Each structure stands twice: as C-alpha cells, then as structure tokens.
Amino acid sequence: MKYRMIAPAVPNIPWQERPEGVKGAPIWRYSENPVVDRNPVDGVARIFNSAVMPYEGKFIGVFRGEQTNGIPYVYLGRSDDAIHWTFDPEKVPFVDEEGNPFMPVYAYDPRLVKVEDTYYIIWCGDFYGASIGVAKTKDFKTFIRIENPFIPFNRNAVLFPRKINGNFVMLSRPSDSGHTPFGDIFLSESPDMTYWGKHRHVMGASHEWWESVKIGGGAAPIETSEGWLLFYHGVATTCNGFVYSIGGAILDIDHPSIVKYRCENFILTPEAEYEERGFVPNVVFPCATIHDSETGRIALYYGAADSVVGLAFCELDDIIDYIKDHSVVRDTDTEIGRR
C-alpha cells in the first residue's frame, strides 16, 4: 500500500469488490443495500444514521431508532458479518454515575468510538436545547452517561479514536435550535471527558454547491500516515429542500484543526432510489467506518433518506489520492483555527 493505516486489523471486514463503471470518486455502494431496512424492530419505524465497529471478533453498533411515535432513541445491534443485524428490542438503558436510570429525552445520530479501553457513545439530545450527550461502556451491558460536553446548541459530535497531545479530542458543529441554514466544524479538547476547551475552527461550508450551506462531522477520523482521514457531510439547498452528500478531508495528525487536503467534489451523493426517496429525501449521512489496516479496505456506513442504512466501500490508497488530487483548501482551512 502507498499509505499506511494506523489501526487494528479487521480480517473479517465486510467487503465487495469494485464493480465496473465506477465514475467520479473511487467509492461504490454495496449491491444489496440497504443493510438495515424499514420497520426493523417492533415499535421502530426506521433505523438510520447509525454507527458500528468491530467487537470480540464480530460487530456491534448503536443505531438511531425512530419510534412509531416519532421520538428517536439509541438501540443496540449485533452482527456476525456487519451486514445482517439483529437489534435489542429495548432502548439502550442509560444510567448515571450512581447506577440510577438516566434516559435522555430523545437521542439521535449516535456515534461509537473506542478510546483506550473504553467505548464512548455520542449523540444529539436535549440539554435544554439540542446539544451533545455522551455515555461510556466497557462491556455493552452498563451504559453510564457522563457530563454534557457543551451547552446548546450543538450537533454532530465525533471523538477521535485516540488522545492527541495527551487530551481527548472531539469534533462538533455549533448551530442553533432548528434545522440550521449554517454550520462549521469545530474541534475541542478535554483532559478527562468532563471539562472541554481549546476550541478551534476546523473548516466551514465552502463555495462548492454541494457543501455551501453547512457541514458536519461524520465517521470517526481514521489515523493514516498522511493524516486523519475524515468522511463528513455537506449540505446544499435546492428549490425542494436540503441535499446531504458525503465529503472527504485529511487533517494534520498532531494539530487536526489544520486541514491538509479537502476534496472539492463530493465523495458520495444521493443517486440510488433508497437515498433519493424516503422520509427525508436526498440524504446520504456518514456515521461510521470499519477499516482494515492490513488491506487498506474501508467500509463506510451511512444513513439514507432518514429511512435506512446503506454501506459503501473504498480503499485507502485510492480515496486519499482522490482527495489530494481534487483538493482545494482556503485560509480558514489551513490556519490553526484560533482567533
């Protein structure tokens, strides 16, 4: 491989070889998409915008389950192959530090990231307004909620999979209380997952139409020899509403508020029927990758049309080269992000 992925090997990564005729970015959809369809659990109409990862030789995930009353919560899912999923029928039972039930008012768009020996679930919930909720677990049996990292309004929080310069590092997208017509990605640091500071601007919406309204974090960054590979979402506006696409960037390995490369083109945009048609049409929304350091294979999980879960594939060398070959960075990308 031309580039190196600093991550554990995942020999049973889900994979499908690249088909003929892939145009644009070197990424392709799983031919059997969606991998999670509608009405997956009794009382849950849709699962989408969810995060998965390897666990004990198999796979586990946290899923946005939109209940039939419209309120979203986090559900736990398990799989032998990361394609066929079974779900716990009940919501993830969050507790406080004393072990008392501590369920969020609602919870959506969860991410799942392992840092050292602990798994962290990060979601958007109600903290007197839309903000970030966090819980930790070591066994996927006890889920302890910890302090909200930020005050409202904020969404799309994503942890880096290791500490950087001794601190936990999290991406987020400050916004307002609605479906915001603006939003940039910021970075914050914490020594203990409780107190957050050293806030830095990472990058904002660009002049490219597909990400001209707002952007936000997606899958947890992948550590590579070229920097942190980030799949994120960008939003455009049309006469018929927003369109969500997936973009790619590479952040500096030691100072990830500095963007080294940022692809001016989208990596994936709504084109398949299940992406263009659904509860919220024209949405592809990245939340997780499974990636294998031995082969450089990457499986990207994304929500489609706020209705189902899709899966796409790419290879490390090809996707990094594509981002670099089509990179356009601006002063607000390459500066440290402090004013």
Protein backbone atom coordinates (compact mmCIF):
# COMPACT_ATOMS: atom_id res chain seq x y z
CA MET A 1 0.00 0.00 0.00
CA LYS A 2 1.10 3.55 -0.73
CA TYR A 3 -0.29 4.87 2.57
CA ARG A 4 -0.46 3.27 5.99
CA MET A 5 -3.49 2.97 8.23
CA ILE A 6 -2.71 3.12 11.96
CA ALA A 7 -5.48 0.90 13.29
CA PRO A 8 -6.09 -2.73 14.25
CA ALA A 9 -6.51 -5.33 11.55
CA VAL A 10 -10.09 -6.43 10.88
CA PRO A 11 -9.72 -9.56 8.74
CA ASN A 12 -13.50 -10.16 8.58
CA ILE A 13 -14.31 -6.65 7.33
CA PRO A 14 -17.42 -6.66 5.13
CA TRP A 15 -16.34 -6.28 1.53
CA GLN A 16 -17.48 -6.36 -2.07
CA GLU A 17 -15.05 -5.91 -4.94
CA ARG A 18 -15.19 -2.76 -7.03
CA PRO A 19 -17.60 -3.17 -9.94
CA GLU A 20 -17.02 -2.00 -13.48
CA GLY A 21 -18.00 1.53 -14.41
CA VAL A 22 -17.46 3.43 -11.16
CA LYS A 23 -17.31 7.13 -12.08
CA GLY A 24 -16.03 10.04 -10.03
CA ALA A 25 -14.70 9.21 -6.58
CA PRO A 26 -13.37 5.64 -6.11
CA ILE A 27 -16.21 4.52 -3.85
CA TRP A 28 -19.03 2.11 -4.59
CA ARG A 29 -22.28 1.04 -2.95
CA TYR A 30 -22.96 -2.43 -1.64
CA SER A 31 -25.11 -4.12 -4.27
CA GLU A 32 -27.54 -5.45 -1.64
CA ASN A 33 -28.23 -2.09 0.02
CA PRO A 34 -29.88 -1.16 2.29
CA VAL A 35 -28.32 -3.30 5.01
CA VAL A 36 -30.97 -2.16 7.51
CA ASP A 37 -34.44 -1.70 6.05
CA ARG A 38 -37.61 -0.15 7.45
CA ASN A 39 -39.53 -1.46 10.49
CA PRO A 40 -36.53 -3.38 11.88
CA VAL A 41 -37.85 -3.68 15.46
CA ASP A 42 -41.32 -3.73 16.93
CA GLY A 43 -42.26 -0.13 17.63
CA VAL A 44 -39.42 1.28 15.48
CA ALA A 45 -40.36 2.56 12.02
CA ARG A 46 -36.87 3.40 10.75
CA ILE A 47 -33.23 2.91 11.65
CA PHE A 48 -30.65 5.22 10.01
CA ASN A 49 -27.68 7.50 10.84
CA SER A 50 -26.01 4.82 12.98
CA ALA A 51 -22.51 3.74 13.99
CA VAL A 52 -20.88 0.30 14.09
CA MET A 53 -17.48 -1.16 14.96
CA PRO A 54 -15.65 -4.48 15.50
CA TYR A 55 -16.18 -6.13 18.87
CA GLU A 56 -14.90 -9.51 20.14
CA GLY A 57 -14.35 -10.87 16.66
CA LYS A 58 -17.81 -9.81 15.49
CA PHE A 59 -19.52 -6.42 15.22
CA ILE A 60 -21.64 -4.18 17.38
CA GLY A 61 -23.40 -0.89 16.78
CA VAL A 62 -25.53 1.92 18.15
CA PHE A 63 -28.49 2.75 15.96
CA ARG A 64 -30.83 5.69 15.63
CA GLY A 65 -34.23 4.09 16.07
CA GLU A 66 -37.10 6.34 15.08
CA GLN A 67 -40.04 5.04 17.11
CA THR A 68 -43.54 4.86 15.72
CA ASN A 69 -44.42 7.86 17.91
CA GLY A 70 -41.67 9.83 16.13
CA ILE A 71 -39.26 10.09 19.07
CA PRO A 72 -35.72 8.83 18.36
CA TYR A 73 -33.64 6.78 20.79
CA VAL A 74 -30.47 4.72 20.65
CA TYR A 75 -30.79 0.97 20.12
CA LEU A 76 -28.04 -1.66 20.28
CA GLY A 77 -27.41 -4.00 17.37
CA ARG A 78 -25.13 -7.01 16.83
CA SER A 79 -23.87 -8.81 13.76
CA ASP A 80 -21.57 -11.64 12.74
CA ASP A 81 -20.72 -10.08 9.38
CA ALA A 82 -21.55 -6.34 9.80
CA ILE A 83 -24.21 -6.70 7.12
CA HIS A 84 -27.02 -8.70 8.72
CA TRP A 85 -28.05 -7.11 12.03
CA THR A 86 -30.17 -8.10 14.99
CA PHE A 87 -31.36 -5.47 17.44
CA ASP A 88 -32.19 -5.42 21.10
CA PRO A 89 -35.93 -4.79 21.37
CA GLU A 90 -35.49 -2.19 24.13
CA LYS A 91 -33.67 1.13 24.05
CA VAL A 92 -30.12 1.32 25.40
CA PRO A 93 -30.61 1.59 29.20
CA PHE A 94 -28.51 4.60 30.15
CA VAL A 95 -27.73 5.19 33.84
CA ASP A 96 -25.97 7.91 35.81
CA GLU A 97 -22.70 7.55 37.70
CA GLU A 98 -24.58 6.06 40.69
CA GLY A 99 -26.34 3.48 38.54
CA ASN A 100 -29.74 5.14 38.54
CA PRO A 101 -31.79 5.21 35.32
CA PHE A 102 -30.91 8.32 33.34
CA MET A 103 -32.59 8.21 29.96
CA PRO A 104 -32.32 11.14 27.56
CA VAL A 105 -35.44 12.98 26.45
CA TYR A 106 -34.52 11.89 22.94
CA ALA A 107 -31.32 10.74 21.25
CA TYR A 108 -30.34 10.62 17.60
CA ASP A 109 -27.42 10.26 15.17
CA PRO A 110 -25.21 8.26 17.57
CA ARG A 111 -21.50 7.67 17.02
CA LEU A 112 -19.46 4.91 18.63
CA VAL A 113 -15.72 5.34 19.25
CA LYS A 114 -13.25 3.33 21.29
CA VAL A 115 -10.53 5.31 23.08
CA GLU A 116 -8.07 3.17 25.01
CA ASP A 117 -10.16 0.59 26.92
CA THR A 118 -13.49 2.43 26.84
CA TYR A 119 -16.25 2.72 24.25
CA TYR A 120 -17.96 6.09 24.02
CA ILE A 121 -21.42 6.68 22.57
CA ILE A 122 -22.00 10.25 21.42
CA TRP A 123 -25.39 11.51 20.24
CA CYS A 124 -27.51 14.60 19.85
CA GLY A 125 -30.10 15.03 22.58
CA ASP A 126 -31.97 17.60 24.60
CA PHE A 127 -29.92 19.59 27.11
CA TYR A 128 -32.49 22.41 27.32
CA GLY A 129 -31.98 22.63 23.57
CA ALA A 130 -30.22 20.46 21.03
CA SER A 131 -26.79 19.51 22.35
CA ILE A 132 -24.39 16.62 22.79
CA GLY A 133 -24.93 13.59 25.03
CA VAL A 134 -22.16 11.16 25.94
CA ALA A 135 -22.09 7.76 27.63
CA LYS A 136 -19.36 5.21 28.23
CA THR A 137 -19.25 1.43 28.45
CA LYS A 138 -16.66 -1.30 28.60
CA ASP A 139 -18.94 -4.30 28.16
CA PHE A 140 -22.05 -3.08 26.27
CA LYS A 141 -24.10 -4.06 29.29
CA THR A 142 -23.76 -1.00 31.51
CA PHE A 143 -24.01 2.40 29.81
CA ILE A 144 -23.02 5.29 32.07
CA ARG A 145 -23.91 8.80 30.98
CA ILE A 146 -21.27 11.40 31.68
CA GLU A 147 -21.38 15.18 31.63
CA ASN A 148 -22.66 17.02 28.57
CA PRO A 149 -19.55 18.42 26.91
CA PHE A 150 -21.16 21.59 25.54
CA ILE A 151 -24.11 23.87 26.16
CA PRO A 152 -26.78 24.21 23.45
CA PHE A 153 -26.84 24.44 20.55
CA ASN A 154 -24.63 21.75 19.04
CA ARG A 155 -24.79 18.60 16.93
CA ASN A 156 -22.66 16.09 15.05
CA ALA A 157 -20.09 15.36 17.74
CA VAL A 158 -17.39 12.82 16.86
CA LEU A 159 -14.50 11.66 19.05
CA PHE A 160 -11.05 10.94 17.67
CA PRO A 161 -10.07 7.30 18.38
CA ARG A 162 -7.05 8.25 20.48
CA LYS A 163 -5.83 11.12 22.60
CA ILE A 164 -3.82 13.79 20.81
CA ASN A 165 -1.12 15.63 22.76
CA GLY A 166 -2.50 13.99 25.92
CA ASN A 167 -6.11 15.12 25.51
CA PHE A 168 -9.36 13.67 24.23
CA VAL A 169 -10.36 15.48 21.04
CA MET A 170 -13.89 15.93 19.71
CA LEU A 171 -15.34 17.45 16.56
CA SER A 172 -18.71 19.19 16.75
CA ARG A 173 -20.95 21.55 14.80
CA PRO A 174 -22.28 24.51 16.83
CA SER A 175 -25.53 25.75 15.38
CA ASP A 176 -28.96 26.84 16.57
CA SER A 177 -32.08 25.06 17.71
CA GLY A 178 -33.56 24.27 14.29
CA HIS A 179 -32.51 22.69 11.01
CA THR A 180 -29.78 25.27 10.76
CA PRO A 181 -29.03 27.06 7.48
CA PHE A 182 -25.38 27.40 8.59
CA GLY A 183 -22.70 25.45 10.43
CA ASP A 184 -18.95 24.82 10.56
CA ILE A 185 -16.90 22.02 12.09
CA PHE A 186 -15.05 22.91 15.29
CA LEU A 187 -12.64 20.96 17.48
CA SER A 188 -12.44 20.86 21.29
CA GLU A 189 -10.08 19.17 23.76
CA SER A 190 -10.51 17.66 27.21
CA PRO A 191 -8.10 16.09 29.70
CA ASP A 192 -10.86 13.98 31.30
CA MET A 193 -14.02 13.90 29.11
CA THR A 194 -15.61 16.37 31.55
CA TYR A 195 -14.02 19.78 31.02
CA TRP A 196 -13.76 20.92 27.40
CA GLY A 197 -11.79 23.82 25.97
CA LYS A 198 -9.08 24.82 23.49
CA HIS A 199 -11.84 25.24 20.91
CA ARG A 200 -10.58 25.56 17.34
CA HIS A 201 -12.27 26.12 14.00
CA VAL A 202 -11.53 23.27 11.60
CA MET A 203 -13.40 24.11 8.41
CA GLY A 204 -16.61 25.68 7.21
CA ALA A 205 -19.08 25.49 4.38
CA SER A 206 -17.38 26.21 1.06
CA HIS A 207 -18.12 27.80 -2.29
CA GLU A 208 -18.75 24.36 -3.76
CA TRP A 209 -22.51 23.99 -4.17
CA TRP A 210 -22.77 20.52 -2.59
CA GLU A 211 -21.47 21.86 0.78
CA SER A 212 -22.39 25.52 0.52
CA VAL A 213 -25.00 25.62 3.32
CA LYS A 214 -23.32 23.77 6.19
CA ILE A 215 -21.06 20.85 7.00
CA GLY A 216 -20.74 18.49 9.95
CA GLY A 217 -18.74 15.60 11.30
CA GLY A 218 -19.39 12.10 10.05
CA ALA A 219 -17.45 8.94 10.80
CA ALA A 220 -14.72 8.93 13.45
CA PRO A 221 -11.44 10.02 11.80
CA ILE A 222 -9.14 7.26 10.59
CA GLU A 223 -5.48 7.65 11.51
CA THR A 224 -3.19 7.28 8.48
CA SER A 225 0.39 8.06 7.53
CA GLU A 226 -0.95 11.05 5.59
CA GLY A 227 -3.04 12.47 8.44
CA TRP A 228 -6.53 11.96 9.83
CA LEU A 229 -8.88 10.79 7.09
CA LEU A 230 -12.29 12.35 7.70
CA PHE A 231 -15.56 11.48 5.97
CA TYR A 232 -18.01 14.29 6.72
CA HIS A 233 -21.35 15.53 5.41
CA GLY A 234 -22.01 18.63 3.36
CA VAL A 235 -25.38 20.22 2.69
CA ALA A 236 -26.72 22.08 -0.34
CA THR A 237 -30.04 23.80 -0.73
CA THR A 238 -32.44 23.45 -3.64
CA CYS A 239 -35.94 24.64 -4.52
CA ASN A 240 -37.11 21.34 -2.99
CA GLY A 241 -35.08 21.40 0.24
CA PHE A 242 -31.68 20.31 1.51
CA VAL A 243 -29.43 17.70 -0.13
CA TYR A 244 -26.90 15.86 2.06
CA SER A 245 -23.73 14.47 0.46
CA ILE A 246 -20.51 12.93 1.79
CA GLY A 247 -17.15 14.66 1.51
CA GLY A 248 -13.57 13.78 2.38
CA ALA A 249 -10.70 15.67 4.00
CA ILE A 250 -7.33 14.95 5.59
CA LEU A 251 -6.43 16.72 8.83
CA ASP A 252 -2.98 17.28 10.31
CA ILE A 253 -2.02 14.36 12.55
CA ASP A 254 -0.78 16.45 15.50
CA HIS A 255 -2.92 19.57 15.04
CA PRO A 256 -6.16 18.34 13.47
CA SER A 257 -7.73 21.80 13.33
CA ILE A 258 -5.41 22.27 10.33
CA VAL A 259 -6.83 20.86 7.10
CA LYS A 260 -4.10 19.49 4.82
CA TYR A 261 -6.36 18.40 1.97
CA ARG A 262 -10.05 18.89 1.29
CA CYS A 263 -11.78 17.38 -1.69
CA GLU A 264 -13.72 19.98 -3.69
CA ASN A 265 -16.00 17.24 -5.03
CA PHE A 266 -18.41 15.12 -3.06
CA ILE A 267 -17.37 11.52 -2.42
CA LEU A 268 -20.93 10.20 -2.48
CA THR A 269 -24.22 11.99 -3.23
CA PRO A 270 -27.83 10.75 -3.32
CA GLU A 271 -28.30 8.76 -6.52
CA ALA A 272 -29.79 5.40 -5.54
CA GLU A 273 -33.56 5.11 -5.14
CA TYR A 274 -33.30 4.48 -1.37
CA GLU A 275 -31.18 7.65 -1.00
CA GLU A 276 -33.39 9.93 -3.08
CA ARG A 277 -36.71 8.65 -1.79
CA GLY A 278 -37.65 8.27 1.86
CA PHE A 279 -38.82 10.03 5.00
CA VAL A 280 -36.36 12.86 4.25
CA PRO A 281 -35.37 12.58 0.58
CA ASN A 282 -31.93 13.18 -0.89
CA VAL A 283 -29.77 12.31 2.09
CA VAL A 284 -26.56 10.31 2.48
CA PHE A 285 -25.22 10.85 6.01
CA PRO A 286 -21.97 9.14 7.14
CA CYS A 287 -21.65 7.93 10.74
CA ALA A 288 -19.05 5.14 10.87
CA THR A 289 -16.38 3.13 9.12
CA ILE A 290 -14.99 -0.33 9.62
CA HIS A 291 -11.44 -0.32 8.29
CA ASP A 292 -8.70 -2.95 7.97
CA SER A 293 -5.08 -1.84 8.30
CA GLU A 294 -3.76 -4.98 6.58
CA THR A 295 -5.58 -4.44 3.28
CA GLY A 296 -6.50 -0.76 3.41
CA ARG A 297 -10.14 -1.64 2.88
CA ILE A 298 -12.76 0.76 4.24
CA ALA A 299 -16.47 0.02 4.71
CA LEU A 300 -18.46 3.24 5.16
CA TYR A 301 -21.88 3.16 6.85
CA TYR A 302 -24.34 5.91 6.12
CA GLY A 303 -27.97 6.83 6.68
CA ALA A 304 -30.05 7.08 3.50
CA ALA A 305 -33.08 9.37 3.21
CA ASP A 306 -33.55 9.23 7.01
CA SER A 307 -35.09 5.81 6.41
CA VAL A 308 -32.50 3.02 6.06
CA VAL A 309 -28.78 2.22 6.49
CA GLY A 310 -26.52 1.96 3.45
CA LEU A 311 -23.00 0.59 3.05
CA ALA A 312 -20.28 1.69 0.63
CA PHE A 313 -16.70 0.59 0.05
CA CYS A 314 -13.39 2.20 -0.87
CA GLU A 315 -9.66 1.55 -0.49
CA LEU A 316 -7.26 3.74 1.46
CA ASP A 317 -4.76 4.48 -1.32
CA ASP A 318 -7.44 5.35 -3.87
CA ILE A 319 -9.54 7.58 -1.61
CA ILE A 320 -6.54 9.51 -0.26
CA ASP A 321 -5.18 10.05 -3.76
CA TYR A 322 -8.60 11.24 -4.94
CA ILE A 323 -8.89 13.72 -2.07
CA LYS A 324 -5.36 15.02 -2.70
CA ASP A 325 -5.79 15.21 -6.48
CA HIS A 326 -9.02 17.21 -6.10
CA SER A 327 -8.06 19.25 -3.04
CA VAL A 328 -8.95 22.91 -2.62
CA VAL A 329 -8.08 24.47 0.74
CA ARG A 330 -8.59 28.02 1.91
CA ASP A 331 -7.07 30.21 4.63
CA THR A 332 -9.77 29.22 7.14
CA ASP A 333 -8.91 25.55 6.50
CA THR A 334 -5.14 25.78 6.84
CA GLU A 335 -4.90 28.15 9.80
CA ILE A 336 -4.80 26.78 13.35
CA GLY A 337 -8.38 27.96 13.90
CA ARG A 338 -7.83 30.28 16.85
CA ARG A 339 -8.77 33.96 16.88
